[in-house]
Structures are given as structure tokens and as C-alpha cells.
Full PDB file with SEQRES, HELIX, SHEET, SSBOND, CRYST1, ORIGX, SCALE, CONECT and MASTER records, all heavy atoms in Angstrom:
SEQRES   1 A   42  PRO ARG GLU GLY GLY GLU LEU HIS ILE VAL ILE VAL ASP          
SEQRES   2 A   42  ASN GLY ARG SER LYS ILE LEU ALA ASP GLU GLN HIS ARG          
SEQRES   3 A   42  LYS VAL LEU ASN CYS LEU ARG CYS GLY ALA CYS MET ASN          
SEQRES   4 A   42  THR CYS PRO                                                  
HELIX    1 AA1 ARG A   16  LEU A   20  1                                   5    
HELIX    2 AA2 ARG A   26  ASN A   30  5                                   5    
HELIX    3 AA3 ALA A   36  THR A   40  1                                   5    
CRYST1    1.000    1.000    1.000  90.00  90.00  90.00 P 1           1          
ORIGX1      1.000000  0.000000  0.000000        0.00000                         
ORIGX2      0.000000  1.000000  0.000000        0.00000                         
ORIGX3      0.000000  0.000000  1.000000        0.00000                         
SCALE1      1.000000  0.000000  0.000000        0.00000                         
SCALE2      0.000000  1.000000  0.000000        0.00000                         
SCALE3      0.000000  0.000000  1.000000        0.00000                         
ATOM      1  N   PRO A   1      -7.243 -17.469  12.929  1.00  0.00           N  
ATOM      2  CA  PRO A   1      -8.322 -16.941  13.770  1.00  0.00           C  
ATOM      3  C   PRO A   1      -8.152 -17.441  15.200  1.00  0.00           C  
ATOM      4  O   PRO A   1      -7.598 -18.530  15.419  1.00  0.00           O  
ATOM      5  CB  PRO A   1      -9.591 -17.500  13.127  1.00  0.00           C  
ATOM      6  CG  PRO A   1      -9.148 -18.667  12.317  1.00  0.00           C  
ATOM      7  CD  PRO A   1      -7.739 -18.408  11.900  1.00  0.00           C  
ATOM      8  N   ARG A   2      -8.567 -16.639  16.169  1.00  0.00           N  
ATOM      9  CA  ARG A   2      -8.489 -17.105  17.548  1.00  0.00           C  
ATOM     10  C   ARG A   2      -9.458 -18.262  17.742  1.00  0.00           C  
ATOM     11  O   ARG A   2     -10.385 -18.467  16.946  1.00  0.00           O  
ATOM     12  CB  ARG A   2      -8.805 -15.967  18.517  1.00  0.00           C  
ATOM     13  CG  ARG A   2     -10.165 -15.336  18.330  1.00  0.00           C  
ATOM     14  CD  ARG A   2     -10.397 -14.232  19.327  1.00  0.00           C  
ATOM     15  NE  ARG A   2     -10.357 -14.743  20.691  1.00  0.00           N  
ATOM     16  CZ  ARG A   2     -10.553 -14.006  21.759  1.00  0.00           C  
ATOM     17  NH1 ARG A   2     -10.787 -12.702  21.630  1.00  0.00           N  
ATOM     18  NH2 ARG A   2     -10.527 -14.532  22.972  1.00  0.00           N  
ATOM     19  N   GLU A   3      -9.256 -19.026  18.788  1.00  0.00           N  
ATOM     20  CA  GLU A   3     -10.070 -20.219  19.017  1.00  0.00           C  
ATOM     21  C   GLU A   3     -11.554 -19.851  19.102  1.00  0.00           C  
ATOM     22  O   GLU A   3     -11.950 -18.971  19.872  1.00  0.00           O  
ATOM     23  CB  GLU A   3      -9.636 -20.902  20.324  1.00  0.00           C  
ATOM     24  CG  GLU A   3     -10.299 -22.251  20.537  1.00  0.00           C  
ATOM     25  CD  GLU A   3      -9.766 -22.980  21.760  1.00  0.00           C  
ATOM     26  OE1 GLU A   3      -8.732 -22.542  22.314  1.00  0.00           O  
ATOM     27  OE2 GLU A   3     -10.387 -23.987  22.154  1.00  0.00           O  
ATOM     28  N   GLY A   4     -12.334 -20.486  18.268  1.00  0.00           N  
ATOM     29  CA  GLY A   4     -13.765 -20.209  18.229  1.00  0.00           C  
ATOM     30  C   GLY A   4     -14.125 -18.931  17.493  1.00  0.00           C  
ATOM     31  O   GLY A   4     -15.285 -18.517  17.484  1.00  0.00           O  
ATOM     32  N   GLY A   5     -13.146 -18.301  16.866  1.00  0.00           N  
ATOM     33  CA  GLY A   5     -13.387 -17.034  16.182  1.00  0.00           C  
ATOM     34  C   GLY A   5     -13.151 -17.119  14.686  1.00  0.00           C  
ATOM     35  O   GLY A   5     -12.950 -18.194  14.120  1.00  0.00           O  
ATOM     36  N   GLU A   6     -13.194 -15.950  14.054  1.00  0.00           N  
ATOM     37  CA  GLU A   6     -13.016 -15.875  12.609  1.00  0.00           C  
ATOM     38  C   GLU A   6     -12.029 -14.756  12.272  1.00  0.00           C  
ATOM     39  O   GLU A   6     -12.031 -13.707  12.902  1.00  0.00           O  
ATOM     40  CB  GLU A   6     -14.348 -15.583  11.906  1.00  0.00           C  
ATOM     41  CG  GLU A   6     -15.397 -16.668  12.077  1.00  0.00           C  
ATOM     42  CD  GLU A   6     -16.719 -16.319  11.400  1.00  0.00           C  
ATOM     43  OE1 GLU A   6     -16.741 -15.373  10.567  1.00  0.00           O  
ATOM     44  OE2 GLU A   6     -17.735 -16.983  11.699  1.00  0.00           O  
ATOM     45  N   LEU A   7     -11.211 -15.009  11.256  1.00  0.00           N  
ATOM     46  CA  LEU A   7     -10.292 -14.009  10.717  1.00  0.00           C  
ATOM     47  C   LEU A   7     -10.625 -13.804   9.247  1.00  0.00           C  
ATOM     48  O   LEU A   7     -10.570 -14.739   8.449  1.00  0.00           O  
ATOM     49  CB  LEU A   7      -8.837 -14.473  10.874  1.00  0.00           C  
ATOM     50  CG  LEU A   7      -7.765 -13.617  10.183  1.00  0.00           C  
ATOM     51  CD1 LEU A   7      -7.791 -12.180  10.699  1.00  0.00           C  
ATOM     52  CD2 LEU A   7      -6.375 -14.240  10.368  1.00  0.00           C  
ATOM     53  N   HIS A   8     -10.986 -12.576   8.888  1.00  0.00           N  
ATOM     54  CA  HIS A   8     -11.326 -12.226   7.514  1.00  0.00           C  
ATOM     55  C   HIS A   8     -10.270 -11.257   6.984  1.00  0.00           C  
ATOM     56  O   HIS A   8      -9.961 -10.256   7.640  1.00  0.00           O  
ATOM     57  CB  HIS A   8     -12.705 -11.574   7.444  1.00  0.00           C  
ATOM     58  CG  HIS A   8     -13.824 -12.458   7.918  1.00  0.00           C  
ATOM     59  ND1 HIS A   8     -14.692 -13.088   7.059  1.00  0.00           N  
ATOM     60  CD2 HIS A   8     -14.201 -12.816   9.174  1.00  0.00           C  
ATOM     61  CE1 HIS A   8     -15.576 -13.783   7.762  1.00  0.00           C  
ATOM     62  NE2 HIS A   8     -15.290 -13.637   9.060  1.00  0.00           N  
ATOM     63  N   ILE A   9      -9.732 -11.540   5.820  1.00  0.00           N  
ATOM     64  CA  ILE A   9      -8.676 -10.714   5.231  1.00  0.00           C  
ATOM     65  C   ILE A   9      -9.151 -10.180   3.877  1.00  0.00           C  
ATOM     66  O   ILE A   9      -9.592 -10.950   3.021  1.00  0.00           O  
ATOM     67  CB  ILE A   9      -7.371 -11.521   5.052  1.00  0.00           C  
ATOM     68  CG1 ILE A   9      -6.889 -12.060   6.412  1.00  0.00           C  
ATOM     69  CG2 ILE A   9      -6.296 -10.663   4.403  1.00  0.00           C  
ATOM     70  CD1 ILE A   9      -5.696 -12.992   6.327  1.00  0.00           C  
ATOM     71  N   VAL A  10      -9.056  -8.854   3.715  1.00  0.00           N  
ATOM     72  CA  VAL A  10      -9.495  -8.210   2.474  1.00  0.00           C  
ATOM     73  C   VAL A  10      -8.279  -7.615   1.759  1.00  0.00           C  
ATOM     74  O   VAL A  10      -7.551  -6.792   2.332  1.00  0.00           O  
ATOM     75  CB  VAL A  10     -10.524  -7.093   2.751  1.00  0.00           C  
ATOM     76  CG1 VAL A  10     -11.117  -6.586   1.429  1.00  0.00           C  
ATOM     77  CG2 VAL A  10     -11.629  -7.579   3.685  1.00  0.00           C  
ATOM     78  N   ILE A  11      -8.064  -8.048   0.520  1.00  0.00           N  
ATOM     79  CA  ILE A  11      -6.961  -7.538  -0.307  1.00  0.00           C  
ATOM     80  C   ILE A  11      -7.553  -6.547  -1.305  1.00  0.00           C  
ATOM     81  O   ILE A  11      -8.464  -6.875  -2.057  1.00  0.00           O  
ATOM     82  CB  ILE A  11      -6.254  -8.694  -1.052  1.00  0.00           C  
ATOM     83  CG1 ILE A  11      -5.762  -9.753  -0.064  1.00  0.00           C  
ATOM     84  CG2 ILE A  11      -5.097  -8.156  -1.890  1.00  0.00           C  
ATOM     85  CD1 ILE A  11      -5.252 -11.029  -0.723  1.00  0.00           C  
ATOM     86  N   VAL A  12      -7.014  -5.318  -1.299  1.00  0.00           N  
ATOM     87  CA  VAL A  12      -7.647  -4.222  -2.044  1.00  0.00           C  
ATOM     88  C   VAL A  12      -6.747  -3.713  -3.167  1.00  0.00           C  
ATOM     89  O   VAL A  12      -5.543  -3.514  -2.981  1.00  0.00           O  
ATOM     90  CB  VAL A  12      -7.991  -3.056  -1.091  1.00  0.00           C  
ATOM     91  CG1 VAL A  12      -8.724  -1.945  -1.835  1.00  0.00           C  
ATOM     92  CG2 VAL A  12      -8.832  -3.557   0.090  1.00  0.00           C  
ATOM     93  N   ASP A  13      -7.352  -3.502  -4.327  1.00  0.00           N  
ATOM     94  CA  ASP A  13      -6.665  -2.889  -5.465  1.00  0.00           C  
ATOM     95  C   ASP A  13      -6.875  -1.374  -5.438  1.00  0.00           C  
ATOM     96  O   ASP A  13      -5.989  -0.613  -5.122  1.00  0.00           O  
ATOM     97  CB  ASP A  13      -7.186  -3.492  -6.781  1.00  0.00           C  
ATOM     98  CG  ASP A  13      -6.422  -2.975  -8.002  1.00  0.00           C  
ATOM     99  OD1 ASP A  13      -5.881  -1.855  -7.960  1.00  0.00           O  
ATOM    100  OD2 ASP A  13      -6.379  -3.688  -9.021  1.00  0.00           O  
ATOM    101  N   ASN A  14      -8.061  -0.919  -5.759  1.00  0.00           N  
ATOM    102  CA  ASN A  14      -8.427   0.506  -5.739  1.00  0.00           C  
ATOM    103  C   ASN A  14      -7.406   1.397  -6.448  1.00  0.00           C  
ATOM    104  O   ASN A  14      -6.908   2.378  -5.896  1.00  0.00           O  
ATOM    105  CB  ASN A  14      -8.637   1.000  -4.303  1.00  0.00           C  
ATOM    106  CG  ASN A  14      -9.453   2.289  -4.263  1.00  0.00           C  
ATOM    107  OD1 ASN A  14     -10.391   2.454  -5.035  1.00  0.00           O  
ATOM    108  ND2 ASN A  14      -9.102   3.207  -3.378  1.00  0.00           N  
ATOM    109  N   GLY A  15      -7.088   1.052  -7.672  1.00  0.00           N  
ATOM    110  CA  GLY A  15      -6.204   1.874  -8.495  1.00  0.00           C  
ATOM    111  C   GLY A  15      -4.753   1.449  -8.509  1.00  0.00           C  
ATOM    112  O   GLY A  15      -3.948   1.990  -9.280  1.00  0.00           O  
ATOM    113  N   ARG A  16      -4.373   0.482  -7.687  1.00  0.00           N  
ATOM    114  CA  ARG A  16      -2.974   0.071  -7.627  1.00  0.00           C  
ATOM    115  C   ARG A  16      -2.523  -0.617  -8.909  1.00  0.00           C  
ATOM    116  O   ARG A  16      -1.370  -0.465  -9.326  1.00  0.00           O  
ATOM    117  CB  ARG A  16      -2.749  -0.815  -6.395  1.00  0.00           C  
ATOM    118  CG  ARG A  16      -2.780   0.005  -5.100  1.00  0.00           C  
ATOM    119  CD  ARG A  16      -3.091  -0.829  -3.879  1.00  0.00           C  
ATOM    120  NE  ARG A  16      -3.044  -0.031  -2.643  1.00  0.00           N  
ATOM    121  CZ  ARG A  16      -4.012   0.779  -2.233  1.00  0.00           C  
ATOM    122  NH1 ARG A  16      -5.129   0.896  -2.969  1.00  0.00           N  
ATOM    123  NH2 ARG A  16      -3.893   1.465  -1.116  1.00  0.00           N  
ATOM    124  N   SER A  17      -3.407  -1.372  -9.537  1.00  0.00           N  
ATOM    125  CA  SER A  17      -3.065  -2.000 -10.819  1.00  0.00           C  
ATOM    126  C   SER A  17      -2.766  -0.936 -11.872  1.00  0.00           C  
ATOM    127  O   SER A  17      -1.865  -1.096 -12.702  1.00  0.00           O  
ATOM    128  CB  SER A  17      -4.214  -2.896 -11.309  1.00  0.00           C  
ATOM    129  OG  SER A  17      -4.399  -3.982 -10.434  1.00  0.00           O  
ATOM    130  N   LYS A  18      -3.536   0.137 -11.836  1.00  0.00           N  
ATOM    131  CA  LYS A  18      -3.326   1.240 -12.782  1.00  0.00           C  
ATOM    132  C   LYS A  18      -1.961   1.883 -12.557  1.00  0.00           C  
ATOM    133  O   LYS A  18      -1.245   2.217 -13.514  1.00  0.00           O  
ATOM    134  CB  LYS A  18      -4.439   2.274 -12.607  1.00  0.00           C  
ATOM    135  CG  LYS A  18      -4.359   3.447 -13.563  1.00  0.00           C  
ATOM    136  CD  LYS A  18      -5.474   4.447 -13.286  1.00  0.00           C  
ATOM    137  CE  LYS A  18      -5.320   5.698 -14.154  1.00  0.00           C  
ATOM    138  NZ  LYS A  18      -6.340   6.715 -13.834  1.00  0.00           N  
ATOM    139  N   ILE A  19      -1.576   2.058 -11.292  1.00  0.00           N  
ATOM    140  CA  ILE A  19      -0.265   2.617 -10.979  1.00  0.00           C  
ATOM    141  C   ILE A  19       0.832   1.683 -11.472  1.00  0.00           C  
ATOM    142  O   ILE A  19       1.842   2.122 -12.036  1.00  0.00           O  
ATOM    143  CB  ILE A  19      -0.116   2.862  -9.461  1.00  0.00           C  
ATOM    144  CG1 ILE A  19      -1.115   3.919  -8.989  1.00  0.00           C  
ATOM    145  CG2 ILE A  19       1.310   3.276  -9.102  1.00  0.00           C  
ATOM    146  CD1 ILE A  19      -1.155   4.116  -7.481  1.00  0.00           C  
ATOM    147  N   LEU A  20       0.631   0.405 -11.277  1.00  0.00           N  
ATOM    148  CA  LEU A  20       1.618  -0.594 -11.709  1.00  0.00           C  
ATOM    149  C   LEU A  20       1.858  -0.521 -13.215  1.00  0.00           C  
ATOM    150  O   LEU A  20       2.966  -0.778 -13.689  1.00  0.00           O  
ATOM    151  CB  LEU A  20       1.131  -1.994 -11.315  1.00  0.00           C  
ATOM    152  CG  LEU A  20       2.136  -3.142 -11.450  1.00  0.00           C  
ATOM    153  CD1 LEU A  20       3.344  -2.912 -10.559  1.00  0.00           C  
ATOM    154  CD2 LEU A  20       1.459  -4.463 -11.106  1.00  0.00           C  
ATOM    155  N   ALA A  21       0.830  -0.168 -13.957  1.00  0.00           N  
ATOM    156  CA  ALA A  21       0.946  -0.090 -15.414  1.00  0.00           C  
ATOM    157  C   ALA A  21       1.632   1.193 -15.880  1.00  0.00           C  
ATOM    158  O   ALA A  21       1.971   1.319 -17.059  1.00  0.00           O  
ATOM    159  CB  ALA A  21      -0.441  -0.183 -16.051  1.00  0.00           C  
ATOM    160  N   ASP A  22       1.850   2.142 -14.962  1.00  0.00           N  
ATOM    161  CA  ASP A  22       2.463   3.425 -15.308  1.00  0.00           C  
ATOM    162  C   ASP A  22       3.967   3.324 -15.066  1.00  0.00           C  
ATOM    163  O   ASP A  22       4.441   3.449 -13.939  1.00  0.00           O  
ATOM    164  CB  ASP A  22       1.852   4.536 -14.454  1.00  0.00           C  
ATOM    165  CG  ASP A  22       2.294   5.927 -14.869  1.00  0.00           C  
ATOM    166  OD1 ASP A  22       3.416   6.063 -15.380  1.00  0.00           O  
ATOM    167  OD2 ASP A  22       1.514   6.878 -14.663  1.00  0.00           O  
ATOM    168  N   GLU A  23       4.718   3.128 -16.131  1.00  0.00           N  
ATOM    169  CA  GLU A  23       6.150   2.862 -15.999  1.00  0.00           C  
ATOM    170  C   GLU A  23       6.894   4.003 -15.311  1.00  0.00           C  
ATOM    171  O   GLU A  23       7.825   3.769 -14.538  1.00  0.00           O  
ATOM    172  CB  GLU A  23       6.752   2.608 -17.383  1.00  0.00           C  
ATOM    173  CG  GLU A  23       8.203   2.159 -17.350  1.00  0.00           C  
ATOM    174  CD  GLU A  23       8.735   1.772 -18.714  1.00  0.00           C  
ATOM    175  OE1 GLU A  23       7.932   1.652 -19.653  1.00  0.00           O  
ATOM    176  OE2 GLU A  23       9.957   1.584 -18.831  1.00  0.00           O  
ATOM    177  N   GLN A  24       6.485   5.236 -15.574  1.00  0.00           N  
ATOM    178  CA  GLN A  24       7.191   6.378 -15.013  1.00  0.00           C  
ATOM    179  C   GLN A  24       6.943   6.547 -13.513  1.00  0.00           C  
ATOM    180  O   GLN A  24       7.807   7.047 -12.783  1.00  0.00           O  
ATOM    181  CB  GLN A  24       6.778   7.656 -15.746  1.00  0.00           C  
ATOM    182  CG  GLN A  24       7.608   8.868 -15.346  1.00  0.00           C  
ATOM    183  CD  GLN A  24       7.371  10.048 -16.272  1.00  0.00           C  
ATOM    184  OE1 GLN A  24       6.292  10.225 -16.812  1.00  0.00           O  
ATOM    185  NE2 GLN A  24       8.400  10.876 -16.461  1.00  0.00           N  
ATOM    186  N   HIS A  25       5.762   6.109 -13.043  1.00  0.00           N  
ATOM    187  CA  HIS A  25       5.385   6.392 -11.656  1.00  0.00           C  
ATOM    188  C   HIS A  25       5.136   5.145 -10.801  1.00  0.00           C  
ATOM    189  O   HIS A  25       4.706   5.281  -9.662  1.00  0.00           O  
ATOM    190  CB  HIS A  25       4.142   7.277 -11.632  1.00  0.00           C  
ATOM    191  CG  HIS A  25       4.352   8.610 -12.268  1.00  0.00           C  
ATOM    192  ND1 HIS A  25       5.130   9.598 -11.699  1.00  0.00           N  
ATOM    193  CD2 HIS A  25       3.911   9.120 -13.455  1.00  0.00           C  
ATOM    194  CE1 HIS A  25       5.143  10.663 -12.489  1.00  0.00           C  
ATOM    195  NE2 HIS A  25       4.414  10.400 -13.557  1.00  0.00           N  
ATOM    196  N   ARG A  26       5.411   3.963 -11.335  1.00  0.00           N  
ATOM    197  CA  ARG A  26       5.068   2.746 -10.577  1.00  0.00           C  
ATOM    198  C   ARG A  26       5.889   2.570  -9.303  1.00  0.00           C  
ATOM    199  O   ARG A  26       5.470   1.877  -8.380  1.00  0.00           O  
ATOM    200  CB  ARG A  26       5.239   1.502 -11.466  1.00  0.00           C  
ATOM    201  CG  ARG A  26       6.661   1.221 -11.923  1.00  0.00           C  
ATOM    202  CD  ARG A  26       6.771  -0.101 -12.667  1.00  0.00           C  
ATOM    203  NE  ARG A  26       5.885  -0.181 -13.801  1.00  0.00           N  
ATOM    204  CZ  ARG A  26       6.223  -0.697 -14.992  1.00  0.00           C  
ATOM    205  NH1 ARG A  26       7.459  -1.148 -15.177  1.00  0.00           N  
ATOM    206  NH2 ARG A  26       5.351  -0.761 -15.967  1.00  0.00           N  
ATOM    207  N   LYS A  27       7.055   3.231  -9.225  1.00  0.00           N  
ATOM    208  CA  LYS A  27       7.885   3.067  -8.025  1.00  0.00           C  
ATOM    209  C   LYS A  27       7.212   3.609  -6.777  1.00  0.00           C  
ATOM    210  O   LYS A  27       7.640   3.314  -5.662  1.00  0.00           O  
ATOM    211  CB  LYS A  27       9.239   3.751  -8.221  1.00  0.00           C  
ATOM    212  CG  LYS A  27      10.167   3.016  -9.169  1.00  0.00           C  
ATOM    213  CD  LYS A  27      11.479   3.773  -9.317  1.00  0.00           C  
ATOM    214  CE  LYS A  27      12.326   3.167 -10.425  1.00  0.00           C  
ATOM    215  NZ  LYS A  27      13.526   3.996 -10.688  1.00  0.00           N  
ATOM    216  N   VAL A  28       6.148   4.421  -6.958  1.00  0.00           N  
ATOM    217  CA  VAL A  28       5.428   4.924  -5.791  1.00  0.00           C  
ATOM    218  C   VAL A  28       4.838   3.774  -4.978  1.00  0.00           C  
ATOM    219  O   VAL A  28       4.595   3.904  -3.773  1.00  0.00           O  
ATOM    220  CB  VAL A  28       4.331   5.923  -6.235  1.00  0.00           C  
ATOM    221  CG1 VAL A  28       3.117   5.209  -6.773  1.00  0.00           C  
ATOM    222  CG2 VAL A  28       3.932   6.844  -5.099  1.00  0.00           C  
ATOM    223  N   LEU A  29       4.633   2.609  -5.607  1.00  0.00           N  
ATOM    224  CA  LEU A  29       4.124   1.433  -4.895  1.00  0.00           C  
ATOM    225  C   LEU A  29       5.160   0.841  -3.941  1.00  0.00           C  
ATOM    226  O   LEU A  29       4.828  -0.015  -3.130  1.00  0.00           O  
ATOM    227  CB  LEU A  29       3.673   0.363  -5.890  1.00  0.00           C  
ATOM    228  CG  LEU A  29       2.418   0.680  -6.717  1.00  0.00           C  
ATOM    229  CD1 LEU A  29       2.161  -0.414  -7.743  1.00  0.00           C  
ATOM    230  CD2 LEU A  29       1.204   0.838  -5.818  1.00  0.00           C  
ATOM    231  N   ASN A  30       6.401   1.302  -4.034  1.00  0.00           N  
ATOM    232  CA  ASN A  30       7.433   0.843  -3.091  1.00  0.00           C  
ATOM    233  C   ASN A  30       7.225   1.417  -1.689  1.00  0.00           C  
ATOM    234  O   ASN A  30       7.813   0.933  -0.720  1.00  0.00           O  
ATOM    235  CB  ASN A  30       8.827   1.271  -3.564  1.00  0.00           C  
ATOM    236  CG  ASN A  30       9.321   0.503  -4.775  1.00  0.00           C  
ATOM    237  OD1 ASN A  30       8.543  -0.171  -5.449  1.00  0.00           O  
ATOM    238  ND2 ASN A  30      10.597   0.617  -5.077  1.00  0.00           N  
ATOM    239  N   CYS A  31       6.429   2.465  -1.586  1.00  0.00           N  
ATOM    240  CA  CYS A  31       6.278   3.210  -0.332  1.00  0.00           C  
ATOM    241  C   CYS A  31       5.888   2.323   0.843  1.00  0.00           C  
ATOM    242  O   CYS A  31       4.973   1.509   0.749  1.00  0.00           O  
ATOM    243  CB  CYS A  31       5.229   4.299  -0.529  1.00  0.00           C  
ATOM    244  SG  CYS A  31       4.852   5.230   0.961  1.00  0.00           S  
ATOM    245  N   LEU A  32       6.591   2.499   1.975  1.00  0.00           N  
ATOM    246  CA  LEU A  32       6.306   1.749   3.205  1.00  0.00           C  
ATOM    247  C   LEU A  32       5.367   2.507   4.140  1.00  0.00           C  
ATOM    248  O   LEU A  32       5.038   2.004   5.211  1.00  0.00           O  
ATOM    249  CB  LEU A  32       7.610   1.446   3.962  1.00  0.00           C  
ATOM    250  CG  LEU A  32       8.729   0.734   3.196  1.00  0.00           C  
ATOM    251  CD1 LEU A  32       9.885   0.436   4.136  1.00  0.00           C  
ATOM    252  CD2 LEU A  32       8.227  -0.536   2.543  1.00  0.00           C  
ATOM    253  N   ARG A  33       4.967   3.724   3.752  1.00  0.00           N  
ATOM    254  CA  ARG A  33       4.116   4.578   4.587  1.00  0.00           C  
ATOM    255  C   ARG A  33       4.781   4.890   5.931  1.00  0.00           C  
ATOM    256  O   ARG A  33       4.148   4.853   6.976  1.00  0.00           O  
ATOM    257  CB  ARG A  33       2.740   3.946   4.818  1.00  0.00           C  
ATOM    258  CG  ARG A  33       1.932   3.692   3.552  1.00  0.00           C  
ATOM    259  CD  ARG A  33       1.533   4.998   2.862  1.00  0.00           C  
ATOM    260  NE  ARG A  33       0.513   4.787   1.847  1.00  0.00           N  
ATOM    261  CZ  ARG A  33       0.748   4.494   0.566  1.00  0.00           C  
ATOM    262  NH1 ARG A  33       2.003   4.386   0.136  1.00  0.00           N  
ATOM    263  NH2 ARG A  33      -0.242   4.328  -0.279  1.00  0.00           N  
ATOM    264  N   CYS A  34       6.076   5.213   5.877  1.00  0.00           N  
ATOM    265  CA  CYS A  34       6.797   5.540   7.111  1.00  0.00           C  
ATOM    266  C   CYS A  34       6.684   7.022   7.460  1.00  0.00           C  
ATOM    267  O   CYS A  34       6.905   7.414   8.606  1.00  0.00           O  
ATOM    268  CB  CYS A  34       8.266   5.146   6.996  1.00  0.00           C  
ATOM    269  SG  CYS A  34       9.206   6.149   5.803  1.00  0.00           S  
ATOM    270  N   GLY A  35       6.409   7.869   6.462  1.00  0.00           N  
ATOM    271  CA  GLY A  35       6.286   9.295   6.707  1.00  0.00           C  
ATOM    272  C   GLY A  35       7.605  10.046   6.741  1.00  0.00           C  
ATOM    273  O   GLY A  35       7.618  11.251   7.021  1.00  0.00           O  
ATOM    274  N   ALA A  36       8.720   9.379   6.449  1.00  0.00           N  
ATOM    275  CA  ALA A  36      10.017  10.065   6.496  1.00  0.00           C  
ATOM    276  C   ALA A  36      10.078  11.217   5.511  1.00  0.00           C  
ATOM    277  O   ALA A  36      10.707  12.246   5.781  1.00  0.00           O  
ATOM    278  CB  ALA A  36      11.145   9.071   6.210  1.00  0.00           C  
ATOM    279  N   CYS A  37       9.417  11.068   4.369  1.00  0.00           N  
ATOM    280  CA  CYS A  37       9.439  12.147   3.367  1.00  0.00           C  
ATOM    281  C   CYS A  37       8.736  13.395   3.887  1.00  0.00           C  
ATOM    282  O   CYS A  37       9.107  14.519   3.541  1.00  0.00           O  
ATOM    283  CB  CYS A  37       8.813  11.671   2.055  1.00  0.00           C  
ATOM    284  SG  CYS A  37       7.078  11.172   2.152  1.00  0.00           S  
ATOM    285  N   MET A  38       7.724  13.214   4.726  1.00  0.00           N  
ATOM    286  CA  MET A  38       7.030  14.358   5.316  1.00  0.00           C  
ATOM    287  C   MET A  38       7.907  15.022   6.383  1.00  0.00           C  
ATOM    288  O   MET A  38       7.975  16.254   6.479  1.00  0.00           O  
ATOM    289  CB  MET A  38       5.717  13.907   5.946  1.00  0.00           C  
ATOM    290  CG  MET A  38       4.758  13.302   4.957  1.00  0.00           C  
ATOM    291  SD  MET A  38       3.278  12.692   5.772  1.00  0.00           S  
ATOM    292  CE  MET A  38       2.561  11.762   4.420  1.00  0.00           C  
ATOM    293  N   ASN A  39       8.562  14.195   7.195  1.00  0.00           N  
ATOM    294  CA  ASN A  39       9.383  14.722   8.286  1.00  0.00           C  
ATOM    295  C   ASN A  39      10.545  15.568   7.775  1.00  0.00           C  
ATOM    296  O   ASN A  39      11.009  16.470   8.470  1.00  0.00           O  
ATOM    297  CB  ASN A  39       9.934  13.578   9.141  1.00  0.00           C  
ATOM    298  CG  ASN A  39       8.840  12.738   9.762  1.00  0.00           C  
ATOM    299  OD1 ASN A  39       7.695  13.166   9.862  1.00  0.00           O  
ATOM    300  ND2 ASN A  39       9.177  11.523  10.160  1.00  0.00           N  
ATOM    301  N   THR A  40      11.020  15.260   6.577  1.00  0.00           N  
ATOM    302  CA  THR A  40      12.171  15.992   6.036  1.00  0.00           C  
ATOM    303  C   THR A  40      11.776  17.122   5.116  1.00  0.00           C  
ATOM    304  O   THR A  40      12.556  18.045   4.900  1.00  0.00           O  
ATOM    305  CB  THR A  40      13.121  15.024   5.300  1.00  0.00           C  
ATOM    306  OG1 THR A  40      14.398  15.645   5.143  1.00  0.00           O  
ATOM    307  CG2 THR A  40      12.581  14.634   3.922  1.00  0.00           C  
ATOM    308  N   CYS A  41      10.560  17.092   4.579  1.00  0.00           N  
ATOM    309  CA  CYS A  41      10.146  18.048   3.550  1.00  0.00           C  
ATOM    310  C   CYS A  41      10.028  19.470   4.110  1.00  0.00           C  
ATOM    311  O   CYS A  41       9.226  19.723   5.016  1.00  0.00           O  
ATOM    312  CB  CYS A  41       8.805  17.629   2.945  1.00  0.00           C  
ATOM    313  SG  CYS A  41       8.157  18.808   1.748  1.00  0.00           S  
ATOM    314  N   PRO A  42      10.791  20.431   3.589  1.00  0.00           N  
ATOM    315  CA  PRO A  42      10.712  21.794   4.113  1.00  0.00           C  
ATOM    316  C   PRO A  42       9.360  22.462   3.856  1.00  0.00           C  
ATOM    317  O   PRO A  42       8.955  23.348   4.609  1.00  0.00           O  
ATOM    318  CB  PRO A  42      11.836  22.532   3.368  1.00  0.00           C  
ATOM    319  CG  PRO A  42      12.061  21.726   2.125  1.00  0.00           C  
ATOM    320  CD  PRO A  42      11.778  20.314   2.492  1.00  0.00           C  
TER     321      PRO A  42                                                      
MASTER        0    0    0    3    0    0    0    6  320    1    0    4          
END                                                                             
């Protein structure tokens, strides 16, 4: 936190644990959110 201030950090699941349990589709959690798949998708 900056001097005299506060830093609050929130870690969110919101369905990510469920994705992790799905063996066929868990690799979607690898996504970096770069958007390259959109830029190339016809």
C-alpha cells in the first residue's frame, strides 16, 4: 500500500474451480486474455 494508504486484494473463483475439475476443458484456464484468437478468427 502507498504510504498512509491501504491495498485490498480480492481473489475470485466464480466457476473457475468447476472448470478445473473438467478434464476435457480445463486448459481454457491457461488463457492470458491477449485476444490473439479473436484477431485471427475469420
